[in-house]
Structure formats: structure tokens, C-alpha cells
Amino acid sequence: MNRLAIISNPKSHRNLHGPATLRDVAACAHLAGFAEPETQTDLLAVLTRFKQQDVNVIAINGGDGTVRDVLTGLWRVDPEWRPALTIIPGGKTNLAAYDVGSARHGPAGLQQVLDAARKGELDRKRVHRPILEISRKDCPGAPICGLFFGAGAFSAGTELAQTEANALGLYHGLAVAWTIASMLVRNIRGPAGDSTPMVLTADGGKICEGEQFIMLATSLQRIILGLNPFWGPQGGAVRYTAINGPPKSLAAALLPVLRGRPRPWMEAAGYRSGSADRLTLRLTSRFTVDGELFDPGPSGLIELSARRTVDFVHP
């Protein structure tokens, strides 16, 4: 039997612009809990209470950042407690919702979830995803838990999307496409300063060292707009792609990279992709996890792993 609770982020993009709130729908429903935590401390208290109440499904009303915060909070409360998650997408890109499936957004989405739970059908559509755990040597304690990691030009692109693309009214897939196109144009015109020194190893084997244009890692299987910038052996839990900087023949390589179908010349030109169970990096610049920028710390040493899986369900 589902014991369903809701975590809602009223500051998420779609929630800020919606005509109604989930609170209106939740007030008429029989839920194990409903919360709108404003701080990380509030979120941890909410999750602790949900665990004590034996909640086994948490609906997340928010974007990728809200999903990341809940995943991180679950690890901090109890790494062994893994309630199923269902997403009511409310963010600017919603990569996680695109991959694992979701309800509609807003109050209509919550009503979908409630109806499915009442009929015992909420867990009929269930997918398992490994969760990235990003540990920084200089930040002991709980890792950052999420689904999509980026460094180099991707971090610069994240800042670009948060300012220029969103200012133009572009969100979701359009913002992603606009950001990629802008990065391409800037690097075709001349050095854009997006490359960053990096050392990357995968399961103990060195992949690259030196200036890197971009580095991506994810446990998602589908990326928004049908993008799939990963190829090579896919036996590990974490898929990754790294491109030397400044990128060679970027205009010719862009579509093969985005489709995950590299040309024979690309590996020698510094385009590498594969999968691993553990990645280690040394960075000198910020990185992103699910749309938020983080500092790597003084040493720049980071480890990515995916030792735990979480179930996602949707109506």
C-alpha cells in the first residue's frame, strides 16, 4: 500500500507562474505528509519525519534542482532508506522528468498522482536509475547526489542559460538548444575561454589530462530533445564524455557528438566517451550538478560514483 507524501518547491519556475498551488489540491487529499521546505535544514527535518511515518512514495513538485536536493537529503537522513520518487515537473529544463517519466505539471499533475495512488496503479510505470554521488575531498560528509554532472564549457553554458537564455524567455528544450548553439558559435569564432585544466580517470584508468573543453557524466538514459552525447562501452553505471580543449573541428563533430555517433577521426582528435562505476577528477573551476554550480574546493579533487539506485514511478 502506498504511503504518499509531497515535497513542493514553490520557488520552482512553473510554480512561480502557476495560477494555483498544489496546497489547494493536497488539502483535499489523504496524504502521509505535505511540505514546502524553504531551506536545506527544513528539507532534512521533513524527510526525517517522512521516514518516521513509513512513507514509501515521495512526490517531488519542482525542477531538477529540487530532485537533486531530495536525493541528497535522502542520503543524509539514511542512505539505506529509498522511497520511490514521482516527479511533478516544475523547473526550467526537467531533465530527470524527461528520462524517468512524470505526471503533468502543477495541481493537475498532483491530481494524476493521487488518482493513480488511490487505484493502486502508481507503481505500474517504474524505472530504476543509479544516483550519482559527487564527493569533494575538501568537503567531508554527505556527497551531492544527482543525475547530471558537467564541467568546463558546460558550467559556462549553465551560467549562460541562467542569464541570457532565460532572459529571452527560453526554457526547457529551447534553452538547452540555445545554449549549445551559443557555445558552438563562440568557439568557432575563436577561443572562448571555456576550456579548463582537468585530470579524469575512469575505474582507475586515466582518460585525459590537460585542457578540456567539456566533461559530462550522467546516469540518465535519455536526454532532452533526444540528445545522446555518450557512446562507447556502456557497462558502467556512469556514462561520461570528455572533449579536449580547445576542441578540434567542433563544427564537424557537433552533430556526431550530440547523437552519440562519433566519426572514426574523432577519438584521435580528443573526443572520448564511455562508462565506468567510478570517476575521479581534478578540477580548477566550478562544476554543475543538475543545473546548480558548485566549487570543487582547494584541492579540486572529486569522485563520482553510483553505488545506489532509486526507483522512479509515475501515473
Protein backbone atom coordinates (compact mmCIF):
# COMPACT_ATOMS: atom_id res chain seq x y z
CA MET A 1 0.00 0.00 0.00
CA ASN A 2 1.36 3.42 -0.94
CA ARG A 3 2.04 5.92 1.84
CA LEU A 4 2.38 9.04 -0.27
CA ALA A 5 3.89 12.35 0.78
CA ILE A 6 4.55 15.54 -1.19
CA ILE A 7 7.56 17.86 -1.24
CA SER A 8 6.81 21.04 -3.15
CA ASN A 9 9.18 23.82 -4.15
CA PRO A 10 7.07 26.97 -4.55
CA LYS A 11 10.11 28.79 -5.99
CA SER A 12 10.45 26.48 -9.00
CA HIS A 13 9.89 28.18 -12.36
CA ARG A 14 6.49 26.74 -13.22
CA ASN A 15 5.25 27.02 -9.65
CA LEU A 16 6.06 30.73 -9.60
CA HIS A 17 3.89 31.28 -12.66
CA GLY A 18 1.04 28.87 -11.97
CA PRO A 19 -2.49 30.08 -11.24
CA ALA A 20 -2.98 27.63 -8.38
CA THR A 21 -0.84 25.77 -5.88
CA LEU A 22 -0.55 22.12 -5.02
CA ARG A 23 -1.51 23.05 -1.49
CA ASP A 24 -5.09 23.58 -2.70
CA VAL A 25 -5.27 20.03 -4.09
CA ALA A 26 -3.32 18.47 -1.22
CA ALA A 27 -5.69 19.97 1.34
CA CYS A 28 -8.47 17.78 -0.03
CA ALA A 29 -6.40 14.59 -0.19
CA HIS A 30 -5.45 11.91 2.31
CA LEU A 31 -1.66 12.19 2.36
CA ALA A 32 1.00 10.99 4.75
CA GLY A 33 2.51 14.45 4.53
CA PHE A 34 2.81 17.69 2.57
CA ALA A 35 5.70 20.15 2.92
CA GLU A 36 7.17 23.23 1.28
CA PRO A 37 10.64 23.39 2.87
CA GLU A 38 12.47 26.67 2.34
CA THR A 39 15.97 25.63 3.47
CA GLN A 40 18.14 22.53 3.43
CA THR A 41 17.64 22.23 7.20
CA ASP A 42 13.87 22.32 6.69
CA LEU A 43 14.14 19.65 4.00
CA LEU A 44 16.13 17.32 6.24
CA ALA A 45 13.56 17.72 9.02
CA VAL A 46 10.74 16.94 6.56
CA LEU A 47 12.46 13.84 5.21
CA THR A 48 13.24 12.62 8.73
CA ARG A 49 9.55 12.97 9.61
CA PHE A 50 8.51 11.15 6.43
CA LYS A 51 10.86 8.28 7.27
CA GLN A 52 9.38 8.01 10.76
CA GLN A 53 5.93 7.88 9.16
CA ASP A 54 6.99 4.99 6.88
CA VAL A 55 6.42 7.00 3.71
CA ASN A 56 7.28 4.82 0.70
CA VAL A 57 6.49 7.23 -2.17
CA ILE A 58 7.52 10.89 -2.30
CA ALA A 59 6.11 13.14 -5.00
CA ILE A 60 8.52 15.97 -5.86
CA ASN A 61 6.94 19.13 -7.24
CA GLY A 62 9.86 21.06 -8.70
CA GLY A 63 12.71 21.01 -11.19
CA ASP A 64 15.99 19.14 -11.45
CA GLY A 65 17.47 21.12 -8.56
CA THR A 66 14.63 20.07 -6.28
CA VAL A 67 15.10 16.43 -7.29
CA ARG A 68 18.84 16.77 -6.55
CA ASP A 69 18.16 18.29 -3.13
CA VAL A 70 15.73 15.49 -2.23
CA LEU A 71 18.19 12.80 -3.38
CA THR A 72 20.95 14.42 -1.35
CA GLY A 73 18.64 14.78 1.64
CA LEU A 74 17.66 11.11 1.49
CA TRP A 75 21.34 10.13 1.65
CA ARG A 76 21.89 12.39 4.64
CA VAL A 77 18.84 11.09 6.54
CA ASP A 78 19.58 7.43 5.83
CA PRO A 79 21.44 6.06 2.76
CA GLU A 80 19.50 2.81 3.10
CA TRP A 81 16.07 4.46 3.04
CA ARG A 82 14.99 4.65 -0.57
CA PRO A 83 11.34 5.51 -1.07
CA ALA A 84 10.13 5.58 -4.65
CA LEU A 85 10.02 9.05 -6.19
CA THR A 86 7.48 10.52 -8.58
CA ILE A 87 8.07 13.86 -10.32
CA ILE A 88 5.64 16.69 -10.92
CA PRO A 89 7.86 18.81 -13.21
CA GLY A 90 8.12 22.45 -12.24
CA GLY A 91 11.60 23.52 -13.35
CA LYS A 92 13.24 25.18 -16.34
CA THR A 93 14.65 22.06 -18.06
CA ASN A 94 13.30 18.98 -16.17
CA LEU A 95 15.93 16.54 -17.49
CA ALA A 96 15.07 13.96 -14.85
CA ALA A 97 11.35 14.05 -15.62
CA TYR A 98 12.06 13.62 -19.34
CA ASP A 99 14.09 10.48 -18.67
CA VAL A 100 12.19 8.67 -15.93
CA GLY A 101 8.67 9.89 -16.75
CA SER A 102 6.43 12.20 -14.79
CA ALA A 103 2.94 13.45 -14.13
CA ARG A 104 1.65 16.67 -15.69
CA HIS A 105 2.87 19.83 -14.03
CA GLY A 106 1.09 21.76 -11.30
CA PRO A 107 -2.13 20.82 -9.47
CA ALA A 108 -3.26 18.67 -12.43
CA GLY A 109 -0.12 16.59 -12.01
CA LEU A 110 -0.73 16.09 -8.32
CA GLN A 111 -4.30 15.03 -9.07
CA GLN A 112 -2.92 12.46 -11.54
CA VAL A 113 -0.61 11.09 -8.84
CA LEU A 114 -3.40 10.96 -6.26
CA ASP A 115 -5.79 9.20 -8.64
CA ALA A 116 -3.17 6.61 -9.59
CA ALA A 117 -2.27 6.01 -5.94
CA ARG A 118 -5.94 5.56 -5.00
CA LYS A 119 -6.35 2.96 -7.74
CA GLY A 120 -3.13 1.17 -6.77
CA GLU A 121 -1.62 1.99 -10.17
CA LEU A 122 1.09 4.48 -9.26
CA ASP A 123 3.92 1.98 -9.40
CA ARG A 124 2.92 0.28 -12.66
CA LYS A 125 5.37 2.52 -14.53
CA ARG A 126 8.60 2.05 -12.59
CA VAL A 127 12.17 2.65 -13.68
CA HIS A 128 15.43 2.23 -11.78
CA ARG A 129 18.23 4.77 -12.03
CA PRO A 130 21.66 4.80 -10.40
CA ILE A 131 22.19 8.02 -8.48
CA LEU A 132 25.39 9.99 -8.92
CA GLU A 133 27.25 10.63 -5.69
CA ILE A 134 29.71 13.51 -6.07
CA SER A 135 32.21 13.66 -3.21
CA ARG A 136 34.69 16.52 -2.80
CA LYS A 137 37.89 15.81 -0.87
CA ASP A 138 37.73 19.21 0.82
CA CYS A 139 34.07 18.82 1.81
CA PRO A 140 33.80 15.71 4.00
CA GLY A 141 30.40 14.34 4.83
CA ALA A 142 27.41 13.68 2.65
CA PRO A 143 28.01 13.75 -1.11
CA ILE A 144 25.99 15.79 -3.57
CA CYS A 145 23.50 13.33 -5.09
CA GLY A 146 22.04 13.92 -8.53
CA LEU A 147 21.68 12.72 -12.08
CA PHE A 148 23.67 15.01 -14.42
CA PHE A 149 27.20 16.40 -13.92
CA GLY A 150 29.04 18.87 -16.11
CA ALA A 151 32.33 20.78 -16.13
CA GLY A 152 34.26 23.06 -18.48
CA ALA A 153 32.11 24.66 -21.16
CA PHE A 154 29.02 23.01 -19.69
CA SER A 155 29.43 25.03 -16.50
CA ALA A 156 29.87 28.18 -18.56
CA GLY A 157 26.80 27.16 -20.56
CA THR A 158 24.81 26.70 -17.36
CA GLU A 159 25.59 30.28 -16.35
CA LEU A 160 24.67 31.39 -19.86
CA ALA A 161 21.32 29.58 -19.71
CA GLN A 162 20.55 31.08 -16.31
CA THR A 163 21.09 34.60 -17.63
CA GLU A 164 20.80 35.16 -21.37
CA ALA A 165 18.60 32.23 -22.48
CA ASN A 166 16.08 32.56 -19.66
CA ALA A 167 16.04 36.34 -20.09
CA LEU A 168 14.90 35.72 -23.66
CA GLY A 169 12.03 33.61 -22.35
CA LEU A 170 13.62 30.30 -23.41
CA TYR A 171 13.13 27.34 -21.09
CA HIS A 172 13.14 23.55 -21.20
CA GLY A 173 14.46 22.11 -24.51
CA LEU A 174 14.68 25.51 -26.18
CA ALA A 175 17.08 26.80 -23.51
CA VAL A 176 19.27 23.71 -23.89
CA ALA A 177 19.35 24.07 -27.68
CA TRP A 178 20.06 27.82 -27.49
CA THR A 179 22.91 27.29 -25.03
CA ILE A 180 24.53 24.58 -27.16
CA ALA A 181 24.28 26.73 -30.27
CA SER A 182 25.80 29.72 -28.44
CA MET A 183 28.72 27.62 -27.17
CA LEU A 184 29.35 26.34 -30.69
CA VAL A 185 29.33 29.81 -32.25
CA ARG A 186 31.61 31.25 -29.59
CA ASN A 187 34.19 28.51 -30.05
CA ILE A 188 34.05 28.57 -33.86
CA ARG A 189 34.68 32.33 -33.82
CA GLY A 190 37.70 31.98 -31.56
CA PRO A 191 38.87 30.79 -28.13
CA ALA A 192 36.06 31.46 -25.69
CA GLY A 193 37.95 30.61 -22.51
CA ASP A 194 35.60 27.71 -21.73
CA SER A 195 38.35 25.06 -21.52
CA THR A 196 39.66 24.12 -18.09
CA PRO A 197 42.61 22.07 -16.83
CA MET A 198 41.39 18.65 -15.80
CA VAL A 199 42.58 15.16 -14.96
CA LEU A 200 39.98 12.41 -15.46
CA THR A 201 40.27 8.74 -14.61
CA ALA A 202 37.62 6.05 -15.07
CA ASP A 203 37.80 2.97 -12.82
CA GLY A 204 41.46 3.75 -12.19
CA GLY A 205 42.47 4.23 -15.84
CA LYS A 206 43.49 7.72 -16.98
CA ILE A 207 41.20 9.08 -19.69
CA CYS A 208 42.63 12.56 -20.19
CA GLU A 209 44.90 15.16 -18.64
CA GLY A 210 45.25 18.79 -19.65
CA GLU A 211 42.88 21.37 -21.07
CA GLN A 212 39.36 20.02 -21.58
CA PHE A 213 36.57 21.79 -23.45
CA ILE A 214 33.76 19.88 -21.77
CA MET A 215 33.17 16.93 -19.49
CA LEU A 216 29.74 15.38 -18.89
CA ALA A 217 28.62 12.48 -16.73
CA THR A 218 25.17 11.07 -16.08
CA SER A 219 23.15 8.07 -15.01
CA LEU A 220 20.18 9.16 -17.13
CA GLN A 221 19.31 7.10 -20.19
CA ARG A 222 17.52 9.79 -22.23
CA ILE A 223 18.44 13.44 -22.57
CA ILE A 224 16.00 16.19 -23.51
CA LEU A 225 15.39 16.81 -27.26
CA GLY A 226 16.63 13.29 -28.00
CA LEU A 227 20.25 14.31 -27.36
CA ASN A 228 22.62 11.45 -26.55
CA PRO A 229 26.19 12.78 -26.21
CA PHE A 230 27.57 9.45 -25.00
CA TRP A 231 28.99 6.44 -26.82
CA GLY A 232 31.50 3.63 -26.40
CA PRO A 233 31.24 0.74 -23.90
CA GLN A 234 28.24 1.23 -21.63
CA GLY A 235 28.74 -1.41 -18.93
CA GLY A 236 29.31 1.03 -16.08
CA ALA A 237 26.69 2.89 -14.05
CA VAL A 238 28.00 6.35 -15.04
CA ARG A 239 28.18 7.45 -18.67
CA TYR A 240 30.78 10.11 -19.44
CA THR A 241 32.10 12.21 -22.33
CA ALA A 242 35.22 14.38 -22.35
CA ILE A 243 36.46 16.60 -25.19
CA ASN A 244 39.93 18.12 -25.37
CA GLY A 245 40.19 21.90 -25.39
CA PRO A 246 40.26 23.87 -27.48
CA PRO A 247 38.06 21.41 -29.43
CA LYS A 248 39.28 20.39 -32.87
CA SER A 249 36.87 20.59 -35.82
CA LEU A 250 34.00 21.31 -33.45
CA ALA A 251 31.58 22.29 -36.22
CA ALA A 252 32.10 18.91 -37.91
CA ALA A 253 31.96 16.99 -34.63
CA LEU A 254 28.94 18.66 -33.03
CA LEU A 255 26.13 16.57 -34.54
CA PRO A 256 28.02 13.25 -34.17
CA VAL A 257 28.64 14.12 -30.51
CA LEU A 258 25.04 15.11 -29.81
CA ARG A 259 23.78 11.92 -31.49
CA GLY A 260 26.33 9.65 -29.82
CA ARG A 261 27.60 8.51 -33.21
CA PRO A 262 31.27 9.53 -33.46
CA ARG A 263 33.22 9.64 -36.70
CA PRO A 264 36.38 7.49 -36.96
CA TRP A 265 38.70 10.52 -36.69
CA MET A 266 37.21 11.92 -33.51
CA GLU A 267 38.96 9.81 -30.85
CA ALA A 268 42.40 10.84 -32.12
CA ALA A 269 41.16 14.44 -32.09
CA GLY A 270 40.35 14.22 -28.37
CA TYR A 271 36.68 13.19 -28.30
CA ARG A 272 36.30 10.39 -25.71
CA SER A 273 33.26 8.69 -24.23
CA GLY A 274 32.42 5.54 -22.29
CA SER A 275 31.12 4.43 -18.91
CA ALA A 276 32.51 3.50 -15.52
CA ASP A 277 31.45 2.75 -11.97
CA ARG A 278 33.82 5.36 -10.52
CA LEU A 279 35.25 8.55 -11.98
CA THR A 280 37.86 10.74 -10.33
CA LEU A 281 38.58 14.31 -11.41
CA ARG A 282 40.89 17.14 -10.53
CA LEU A 283 39.32 20.48 -11.46
CA THR A 284 40.29 24.13 -11.10
CA SER A 285 36.88 25.58 -11.94
CA ARG A 286 33.29 25.14 -10.83
CA PHE A 287 31.14 22.21 -11.91
CA THR A 288 27.39 21.73 -12.19
CA VAL A 289 25.05 19.11 -10.79
CA ASP A 290 21.52 19.25 -12.17
CA GLY A 291 21.70 22.90 -13.06
CA GLU A 292 23.47 24.34 -9.99
CA LEU A 293 27.10 25.43 -9.82
CA PHE A 294 29.42 24.08 -7.09
CA ASP A 295 33.00 24.86 -6.08
CA PRO A 296 35.40 21.88 -6.26
CA GLY A 297 37.37 23.05 -3.21
CA PRO A 298 41.06 23.99 -2.86
CA SER A 299 42.42 20.61 -3.97
CA GLY A 300 39.94 20.25 -6.83
CA LEU A 301 39.68 16.51 -6.18
CA ILE A 302 36.25 15.00 -6.89
CA GLU A 303 34.95 11.44 -7.06
CA LEU A 304 31.80 10.39 -8.90
CA SER A 305 30.20 7.03 -8.22
CA ALA A 306 26.75 5.47 -8.49
CA ARG A 307 26.51 2.77 -5.87
CA ARG A 308 22.80 3.19 -5.09
CA THR A 309 19.72 3.04 -7.27
CA VAL A 310 16.38 4.77 -6.74
CA ASP A 311 13.02 3.79 -8.19
CA PHE A 312 11.00 6.42 -10.05
CA VAL A 313 7.29 5.87 -10.63
CA HIS A 314 4.70 7.91 -12.48
CA PRO A 315 0.98 7.67 -13.32
